[in-house]
PDB file of N, CA and C in Angstrom:
ATOM      1  N   MET A   1      65.439  97.134 225.282  1.00  0.00           N
ATOM      2  CA  MET A   1      64.863  97.090 224.741  1.00  0.00           C
ATOM      3  C   MET A   1      64.669  96.389 223.328  1.00  0.00           C
ATOM      4  N   SER A   2      63.473  96.191 223.138  1.00  0.00           N
ATOM      5  CA  SER A   2      64.313  95.215 221.458  1.00  0.00           C
ATOM      6  C   SER A   2      63.765  96.370 220.539  1.00  0.00           C
ATOM      7  N   ASP A   3      63.830  95.751 219.700  1.00  0.00           N
ATOM      8  CA  ASP A   3      63.650  96.763 217.973  1.00  0.00           C
ATOM      9  C   ASP A   3      62.834  97.112 217.908  1.00  0.00           C
ATOM     10  N   ILE A   4      62.138  97.876 217.583  1.00  0.00           N
ATOM     11  CA  ILE A   4      60.597  97.196 216.557  1.00  0.00           C
ATOM     12  C   ILE A   4      60.352  97.428 215.388  1.00  0.00           C
ATOM     13  N   VAL A   5      59.678  96.355 214.664  1.00  0.00           N
ATOM     14  CA  VAL A   5      59.510  95.966 213.207  1.00  0.00           C
ATOM     15  C   VAL A   5      58.359  96.167 212.801  1.00  0.00           C
ATOM     16  N   LEU A   6      58.506  97.221 211.495  1.00  0.00           N
ATOM     17  CA  LEU A   6      57.387  97.646 210.546  1.00  0.00           C
ATOM     18  C   LEU A   6      57.702  96.772 209.704  1.00  0.00           C
ATOM     19  N   THR A   7      56.180  96.742 208.999  1.00  0.00           N
ATOM     20  CA  THR A   7      55.482  96.381 208.244  1.00  0.00           C
ATOM     21  C   THR A   7      55.317  97.370 207.135  1.00  0.00           C
ATOM     22  N   ILE A   8      55.688  97.769 206.196  1.00  0.00           N
ATOM     23  CA  ILE A   8      54.808  98.759 204.864  1.00  0.00           C
ATOM     24  C   ILE A   8      54.530  97.762 203.992  1.00  0.00           C
ATOM     25  N   PRO A   9      52.990  98.287 203.948  1.00  0.00           N
ATOM     26  CA  PRO A   9      52.580  97.243 203.324  1.00  0.00           C
ATOM     27  C   PRO A   9      52.322  97.547 201.205  1.00  0.00           C
ATOM     28  N   HIS A  10      52.656  97.211 200.252  1.00  0.00           N
ATOM     29  CA  HIS A  10      53.436  97.046 198.968  1.00  0.00           C
ATOM     30  C   HIS A  10      52.696  98.032 199.009  1.00  0.00           C
ATOM     31  N   ASP A  11      51.190  98.114 198.624  1.00  0.00           N
ATOM     32  CA  ASP A  11      50.290  99.098 198.112  1.00  0.00           C
ATOM     33  C   ASP A  11      50.473 100.638 198.917  1.00  0.00           C
ATOM     34  N   ILE A  12      51.321 100.588 199.592  1.00  0.00           N
ATOM     35  CA  ILE A  12      51.407 102.286 200.453  1.00  0.00           C
ATOM     36  C   ILE A  12      53.410 102.384 199.805  1.00  0.00           C
ATOM     37  N   ALA A  13      54.057 101.237 199.725  1.00  0.00           N
ATOM     38  CA  ALA A  13      55.343 101.867 199.210  1.00  0.00           C
ATOM     39  C   ALA A  13      55.032 102.109 198.093  1.00  0.00           C
ATOM     40  N   GLN A  14      54.273 101.748 197.506  1.00  0.00           N
ATOM     41  CA  GLN A  14      54.089 101.982 195.556  1.00  0.00           C
ATOM     42  C   GLN A  14      53.138 103.438 195.582  1.00  0.00           C
ATOM     43  N   ALA A  15      51.701 103.335 196.052  1.00  0.00           N
ATOM     44  CA  ALA A  15      51.727 105.026 196.197  1.00  0.00           C
ATOM     45  C   ALA A  15      53.030 105.968 196.504  1.00  0.00           C
ATOM     46  N   ALA A  16      53.113 105.496 197.880  1.00  0.00           N
ATOM     47  CA  ALA A  16      54.051 106.655 198.245  1.00  0.00           C
ATOM     48  C   ALA A  16      56.164 107.006 197.340  1.00  0.00           C
ATOM     49  N   GLU A  17      55.783 105.802 195.898  1.00  0.00           N
ATOM     50  CA  GLU A  17      56.676 106.040 195.086  1.00  0.00           C
ATOM     51  C   GLU A  17      58.202 105.934 196.033  1.00  0.00           C
ATOM     52  N   LEU A  18      58.397 105.070 196.894  1.00  0.00           N
ATOM     53  CA  LEU A  18      59.216 105.082 198.316  1.00  0.00           C
ATOM     54  C   LEU A  18      59.815 103.587 197.962  1.00  0.00           C
ATOM     55  N   GLU A  19      61.310 103.243 197.836  1.00  0.00           N
ATOM     56  CA  GLU A  19      61.694 101.852 198.513  1.00  0.00           C
ATOM     57  C   GLU A  19      62.092 101.992 199.933  1.00  0.00           C
ATOM     58  N   GLU A  20      62.387 101.137 200.767  1.00  0.00           N
ATOM     59  CA  GLU A  20      63.146 100.423 201.664  1.00  0.00           C
ATOM     60  C   GLU A  20      64.047 101.905 202.041  1.00  0.00           C
ATOM     61  N   HIS A  21      64.699 102.446 202.215  1.00  0.00           N
ATOM     62  CA  HIS A  21      65.750 103.482 202.437  1.00  0.00           C
ATOM     63  C   HIS A  21      65.223 104.581 202.348  1.00  0.00           C
ATOM     64  N   ASP A  22      64.332 104.775 201.193  1.00  0.00           N
ATOM     65  CA  ASP A  22      63.679 105.678 201.225  1.00  0.00           C
ATOM     66  C   ASP A  22      62.765 106.264 202.336  1.00  0.00           C
ATOM     67  N   PHE A  23      62.108 105.577 202.870  1.00  0.00           N
ATOM     68  CA  PHE A  23      61.169 105.176 204.075  1.00  0.00           C
ATOM     69  C   PHE A  23      62.232 105.774 205.121  1.00  0.00           C
ATOM     70  N   LEU A  24      63.147 105.209 205.269  1.00  0.00           N
ATOM     71  CA  LEU A  24      64.086 105.126 206.780  1.00  0.00           C
ATOM     72  C   LEU A  24      64.792 106.101 206.460  1.00  0.00           C
ATOM     73  N   VAL A  25      65.250 107.126 205.770  1.00  0.00           N
ATOM     74  CA  VAL A  25      65.146 108.043 205.659  1.00  0.00           C
ATOM     75  C   VAL A  25      64.535 109.341 205.474  1.00  0.00           C
ATOM     76  N   GLU A  26      62.843 108.738 205.085  1.00  0.00           N
ATOM     77  CA  GLU A  26      62.246 110.611 205.162  1.00  0.00           C
ATOM     78  C   GLU A  26      61.580 110.432 206.666  1.00  0.00           C
ATOM     79  N   LEU A  27      61.614 108.458 207.827  1.00  0.00           N
ATOM     80  CA  LEU A  27      61.567 108.940 208.960  1.00  0.00           C
ATOM     81  C   LEU A  27      62.532 109.468 210.416  1.00  0.00           C
ATOM     82  N   ALA A  28      63.724 109.156 209.694  1.00  0.00           N
ATOM     83  CA  ALA A  28      65.074 109.533 210.446  1.00  0.00           C
ATOM     84  C   ALA A  28      65.101 111.641 210.189  1.00  0.00           C
ATOM     85  N   VAL A  29      64.514 111.868 209.024  1.00  0.00           N
ATOM     86  CA  VAL A  29      64.346 113.349 209.108  1.00  0.00           C
ATOM     87  C   VAL A  29      63.128 113.853 210.308  1.00  0.00           C
ATOM     88  N   ARG A  30      62.069 113.393 209.520  1.00  0.00           N
ATOM     89  CA  ARG A  30      60.768 113.429 211.103  1.00  0.00           C
ATOM     90  C   ARG A  30      60.989 113.098 211.820  1.00  0.00           C
ATOM     91  N   LEU A  31      61.988 112.128 212.223  1.00  0.00           N
ATOM     92  CA  LEU A  31      62.040 112.208 213.841  1.00  0.00           C
ATOM     93  C   LEU A  31      63.002 113.278 213.924  1.00  0.00           C
ATOM     94  N   TYR A  32      64.442 114.131 213.530  1.00  0.00           N
ATOM     95  CA  TYR A  32      65.164 114.842 213.395  1.00  0.00           C
ATOM     96  C   TYR A  32      64.264 115.848 213.343  1.00  0.00           C
ATOM     97  N   GLU A  33      63.685 116.642 212.532  1.00  0.00           N
ATOM     98  CA  GLU A  33      63.368 117.887 212.447  1.00  0.00           C
ATOM     99  C   GLU A  33      62.648 117.688 213.938  1.00  0.00           C
ATOM    100  N   GLN A  34      62.182 117.215 214.753  1.00  0.00           N
ATOM    101  CA  GLN A  34      60.901 117.503 215.773  1.00  0.00           C
ATOM    102  C   GLN A  34      61.553 117.158 217.246  1.00  0.00           C
ATOM    103  N   ARG A  35      63.280 116.982 216.920  1.00  0.00           N
ATOM    104  CA  ARG A  35      63.804 117.155 217.943  1.00  0.00           C
ATOM    105  C   ARG A  35      63.925 115.666 218.523  1.00  0.00           C
ATOM    106  N   ARG A  36      63.536 114.650 217.886  1.00  0.00           N
ATOM    107  CA  ARG A  36      63.026 113.617 218.712  1.00  0.00           C
ATOM    108  C   ARG A  36      64.210 112.891 219.260  1.00  0.00           C
ATOM    109  N   ILE A  37      64.877 112.760 217.862  1.00  0.00           N
ATOM    110  CA  ILE A  37      66.440 111.985 217.796  1.00  0.00           C
ATOM    111  C   ILE A  37      68.102 112.744 217.378  1.00  0.00           C
ATOM    112  N   SER A  38      68.902 112.934 218.207  1.00  0.00           N
ATOM    113  CA  SER A  38      69.482 113.574 217.527  1.00  0.00           C
ATOM    114  C   SER A  38      69.930 113.664 216.213  1.00  0.00           C
ATOM    115  N   MET A  39      70.927 114.239 215.565  1.00  0.00           N
ATOM    116  CA  MET A  39      71.348 114.130 214.051  1.00  0.00           C
ATOM    117  C   MET A  39      72.064 113.085 214.372  1.00  0.00           C
ATOM    118  N   GLY A  40      72.788 112.344 215.095  1.00  0.00           N
ATOM    119  CA  GLY A  40      73.531 110.961 214.610  1.00  0.00           C
ATOM    120  C   GLY A  40      72.388 110.146 214.794  1.00  0.00           C
ATOM    121  N   LYS A  41      71.905 109.834 215.449  1.00  0.00           N
ATOM    122  CA  LYS A  41      71.057 108.979 215.595  1.00  0.00           C
ATOM    123  C   LYS A  41      70.339 108.912 214.155  1.00  0.00           C
ATOM    124  N   ALA A  42      69.476 109.627 213.716  1.00  0.00           N
ATOM    125  CA  ALA A  42      69.325 109.799 212.493  1.00  0.00           C
ATOM    126  C   ALA A  42      70.109 109.499 211.422  1.00  0.00           C
ATOM    127  N   ARG A  43      71.191 109.522 211.861  1.00  0.00           N
ATOM    128  CA  ARG A  43      71.734 109.417 210.491  1.00  0.00           C
ATOM    129  C   ARG A  43      72.401 108.202 210.849  1.00  0.00           C
ATOM    130  N   GLU A  44      72.688 107.237 211.943  1.00  0.00           N
ATOM    131  CA  GLU A  44      72.759 106.171 212.779  1.00  0.00           C
ATOM    132  C   GLU A  44      71.745 105.335 211.725  1.00  0.00           C
ATOM    133  N   PHE A  45      70.491 105.592 211.756  1.00  0.00           N
ATOM    134  CA  PHE A  45      69.596 105.175 211.391  1.00  0.00           C
ATOM    135  C   PHE A  45      68.830 105.268 210.011  1.00  0.00           C
ATOM    136  N   ALA A  46      69.410 106.212 209.163  1.00  0.00           N
ATOM    137  CA  ALA A  46      68.843 106.330 208.323  1.00  0.00           C
ATOM    138  C   ALA A  46      70.494 106.319 207.363  1.00  0.00           C
ATOM    139  N   ARG A  47      71.411 105.103 207.619  1.00  0.00           N
ATOM    140  CA  ARG A  47      72.422 105.222 207.457  1.00  0.00           C
ATOM    141  C   ARG A  47      72.902 105.833 206.087  1.00  0.00           C
ATOM    142  N   LEU A  48      73.271 107.188 206.550  1.00  0.00           N
ATOM    143  CA  LEU A  48      73.545 108.455 205.956  1.00  0.00           C
ATOM    144  C   LEU A  48      74.607 108.757 206.315  1.00  0.00           C
ATOM    145  N   ASP A  49      75.792 109.181 205.669  1.00  0.00           N
ATOM    146  CA  ASP A  49      76.964 109.930 205.936  1.00  0.00           C
ATOM    147  C   ASP A  49      76.450 111.153 206.294  1.00  0.00           C
ATOM    148  N   VAL A  50      77.614 112.188 207.081  1.00  0.00           N
ATOM    149  CA  VAL A  50      77.386 113.623 207.617  1.00  0.00           C
ATOM    150  C   VAL A  50      76.246 114.644 206.117  1.00  0.00           C
ATOM    151  N   ILE A  51      77.768 114.413 205.738  1.00  0.00           N
ATOM    152  CA  ILE A  51      76.822 114.422 203.771  1.00  0.00           C
ATOM    153  C   ILE A  51      75.921 114.409 203.472  1.00  0.00           C
ATOM    154  N   GLU A  52      75.189 113.514 203.224  1.00  0.00           N
ATOM    155  CA  GLU A  52      74.013 112.715 202.892  1.00  0.00           C
ATOM    156  C   GLU A  52      73.263 113.204 204.117  1.00  0.00           C
ATOM    157  N   PHE A  53      73.411 113.091 205.073  1.00  0.00           N
ATOM    158  CA  PHE A  53      72.254 113.416 206.364  1.00  0.00           C
ATOM    159  C   PHE A  53      71.560 114.989 205.513  1.00  0.00           C
ATOM    160  N   PHE A  54      72.971 115.697 205.667  1.00  0.00           N
ATOM    161  CA  PHE A  54      73.011 117.328 205.843  1.00  0.00           C
ATOM    162  C   PHE A  54      72.034 117.968 204.259  1.00  0.00           C
ATOM    163  N   ARG A  55      72.607 117.488 203.323  1.00  0.00           N
ATOM    164  CA  ARG A  55      71.364 117.509 201.943  1.00  0.00           C
ATOM    165  C   ARG A  55      69.865 117.134 201.978  1.00  0.00           C
ATOM    166  N   GLU A  56      70.015 115.592 202.712  1.00  0.00           N
ATOM    167  CA  GLU A  56      68.668 115.932 203.063  1.00  0.00           C
ATOM    168  C   GLU A  56      67.619 116.066 203.811  1.00  0.00           C
ATOM    169  N   LEU A  57      68.784 117.514 205.012  1.00  0.00           N
ATOM    170  CA  LEU A  57      67.975 118.423 205.513  1.00  0.00           C
ATOM    171  C   LEU A  57      67.930 119.769 204.985  1.00  0.00           C
ATOM    172  N   GLY A  58      68.769 119.986 203.848  1.00  0.00           N
ATOM    173  CA  GLY A  58      68.447 120.544 203.482  1.00  0.00           C
ATOM    174  C   GLY A  58      67.264 120.923 201.833  1.00  0.00           C
ATOM    175  N   LYS A  59      67.240 119.957 201.496  1.00  0.00           N
ATOM    176  CA  LYS A  59      66.170 119.114 200.430  1.00  0.00           C
ATOM    177  C   LYS A  59      64.955 119.643 200.847  1.00  0.00           C
ATOM    178  N   ARG A  60      64.583 119.902 202.077  1.00  0.00           N
ATOM    179  CA  ARG A  60      63.243 119.977 203.453  1.00  0.00           C
ATOM    180  C   ARG A  60      63.457 121.421 203.724  1.00  0.00           C
ATOM    181  N   ASP A  61      64.477 122.165 203.952  1.00  0.00           N
ATOM    182  CA  ASP A  61      65.169 123.456 204.249  1.00  0.00           C
ATOM    183  C   ASP A  61      64.607 122.992 205.657  1.00  0.00           C
ATOM    184  N   ILE A  62      65.178 122.368 206.254  1.00  0.00           N
ATOM    185  CA  ILE A  62      65.188 121.703 207.655  1.00  0.00           C
ATOM    186  C   ILE A  62      66.717 122.085 208.670  1.00  0.00           C
ATOM    187  N   SER A  63      66.757 122.864 209.474  1.00  0.00           N
ATOM    188  CA  SER A  63      68.165 123.633 209.842  1.00  0.00           C
ATOM    189  C   SER A  63      68.199 122.020 210.847  1.00  0.00           C
ATOM    190  N   VAL A  64      69.661 122.965 210.978  1.00  0.00           N
ATOM    191  CA  VAL A  64      70.575 121.900 211.977  1.00  0.00           C
ATOM    192  C   VAL A  64      70.547 122.291 213.859  1.00  0.00           C
ATOM    193  N   ASP A  65      70.555 121.138 214.445  1.00  0.00           N
ATOM    194  CA  ASP A  65      71.265 121.774 215.601  1.00  0.00           C
ATOM    195  C   ASP A  65      72.233 120.523 215.717  1.00  0.00           C
ATOM    196  N   TYR A  66      73.926 121.072 215.829  1.00  0.00           N
ATOM    197  CA  TYR A  66      75.103 120.003 216.305  1.00  0.00           C
ATOM    198  C   TYR A  66      74.944 120.310 217.846  1.00  0.00           C
ATOM    199  N   THR A  67      74.429 118.444 218.054  1.00  0.00           N
ATOM    200  CA  THR A  67      75.192 118.379 219.812  1.00  0.00           C
ATOM    201  C   THR A  67      76.149 117.733 220.215  1.00  0.00           C
ATOM    202  N   LEU A  68      76.257 117.666 221.393  1.00  0.00           N
ATOM    203  CA  LEU A  68      77.400 117.487 221.915  1.00  0.00           C
ATOM    204  C   LEU A  68      77.354 115.792 221.508  1.00  0.00           C
ATOM    205  N   GLU A  69      76.713 115.322 221.249  1.00  0.00           N
ATOM    206  CA  GLU A  69      76.368 114.006 221.053  1.00  0.00           C
ATOM    207  C   GLU A  69      75.962 114.127 219.506  1.00  0.00           C
ATOM    208  N   ASP A  70      76.326 114.571 218.950  1.00  0.00           N
ATOM    209  CA  ASP A  70      76.828 114.289 217.478  1.00  0.00           C
ATOM    210  C   ASP A  70      77.945 114.567 217.252  1.00  0.00           C
ATOM    211  N   LEU A  71      78.570 115.580 218.539  1.00  0.00           N
ATOM    212  CA  LEU A  71      80.016 115.758 217.853  1.00  0.00           C
ATOM    213  C   LEU A  71      81.148 113.900 218.515  1.00  0.00           C
ATOM    214  N   GLU A  72      80.150 113.625 219.579  1.00  0.00           N
ATOM    215  CA  GLU A  72      81.068 112.385 220.330  1.00  0.00           C
ATOM    216  C   GLU A  72      80.357 111.645 218.850  1.00  0.00           C
ATOM    217  N   MET A  73      79.458 111.375 218.328  1.00  0.00           N
ATOM    218  CA  MET A  73      80.123 110.491 217.103  1.00  0.00           C
ATOM    219  C   MET A  73      80.269 110.760 216.033  1.00  0.00           C
ATOM    220  N   ASP A  74      80.403 111.575 215.904  1.00  0.00           N
ATOM    221  CA  ASP A  74      81.141 112.295 214.513  1.00  0.00           C
ATOM    222  C   ASP A  74      82.618 111.652 215.060  1.00  0.00           C
ATOM    223  N   SER A  75      83.090 112.049 215.853  1.00  0.00           N
ATOM    224  CA  SER A  75      84.623 111.872 216.104  1.00  0.00           C
ATOM    225  C   SER A  75      84.825 110.223 216.877  1.00  0.00           C
ATOM    226  N   LYS A  76      83.771 109.552 216.856  1.00  0.00           N
ATOM    227  CA  LYS A  76      84.143 108.035 217.052  1.00  0.00           C
ATOM    228  C   LYS A  76      84.671 107.949 215.209  1.00  0.00           C
ATOM    229  N   ALA A  77      83.551 108.390 214.693  1.00  0.00           N
ATOM    230  CA  ALA A  77      83.558 108.079 212.927  1.00  0.00           C
ATOM    231  C   ALA A  77      84.426 108.094 213.105  1.00  0.00           C
ATOM    232  N   ILE A  78      84.810 108.584 213.226  1.00  0.00           N
ATOM    233  CA  ILE A  78      86.922 109.911 212.435  1.00  0.00           C
ATOM    234  C   ILE A  78      87.215 108.906 212.610  1.00  0.00           C
ATOM    235  N   GLU A  79      87.693 108.392 214.346  1.00  0.00           N
ATOM    236  CA  GLU A  79      88.684 107.372 214.800  1.00  0.00           C
ATOM    237  C   GLU A  79      88.816 106.314 214.328  1.00  0.00           C
ATOM    238  N   LYS A  80      87.783 105.684 213.853  1.00  0.00           N
ATOM    239  CA  LYS A  80      87.473 104.678 212.851  1.00  0.00           C
ATOM    240  C   LYS A  80      88.067 104.965 211.425  1.00  0.00           C
ATOM    241  N   TYR A  81      87.954 105.518 210.677  1.00  0.00           N
ATOM    242  CA  TYR A  81      87.599 105.701 209.297  1.00  0.00           C
ATOM    243  C   TYR A  81      89.329 105.846 209.307  1.00  0.00           C
ATOM    244  N   LEU A  82      90.180 106.647 210.457  1.00  0.00           N
ATOM    245  CA  LEU A  82      91.350 107.213 210.561  1.00  0.00           C
ATOM    246  C   LEU A  82      92.113 105.341 210.558  1.00  0.00           C
ATOM    247  N   LYS A  83      91.166 104.503 211.537  1.00  0.00           N
ATOM    248  CA  LYS A  83      92.036 103.556 211.523  1.00  0.00           C
ATOM    249  C   LYS A  83      91.981 102.992 209.944  1.00  0.00           C
ATOM    250  N   THR A  84      91.277 102.569 209.546  1.00  0.00           N
ATOM    251  CA  THR A  84      91.814 101.852 208.734  1.00  0.00           C
ATOM    252  C   THR A  84      91.882 102.448 207.087  1.00  0.00           C
ATOM    253  N   HIS A  85      92.050 103.895 207.530  1.00  0.00           N
ATOM    254  CA  HIS A  85      93.518 104.881 205.960  1.00  0.00           C
ATOM    255  C   HIS A  85      93.632 105.840 206.938  1.00  0.00           C
ATOM    256  N   PRO A  86      95.043 105.955 206.733  1.00  0.00           N
ATOM    257  CA  PRO A  86      95.973 106.228 208.050  1.00  0.00           C
ATOM    258  C   PRO A  86      96.880 107.613 207.152  1.00  0.00           C
ATOM    259  N   VAL A  87      96.478 108.328 207.961  1.00  0.00           N
ATOM    260  CA  VAL A  87      96.965 109.898 207.346  1.00  0.00           C
ATOM    261  C   VAL A  87      98.544 109.580 207.025  1.00  0.00           C
ATOM    262  N   PRO A  88      99.229 109.950 206.057  1.00  0.00           N
ATOM    263  CA  PRO A  88     100.818 109.766 205.893  1.00  0.00           C
ATOM    264  C   PRO A  88     101.379 110.725 206.981  1.00  0.00           C
TER     265      PRO A  88
END
């Protein structure tokens, strides 16, 4: 499947008072809220770490469903982090 490219007209972005990253976060959070994508996919799309994503959900009073897919993605992220930041 190829990527979908979405163009947001400048006047819409200006009226919404949102920058590009803010649009990504809004879309990711809403798709997660509707359970159309997992938390891991939503975080990846929004380019947020776990804590930042939790904060965004908290701001919107959205509950968290932590799935097996989320756990697997977090495990991979931790492994990657530990390769570059070894624990003494």
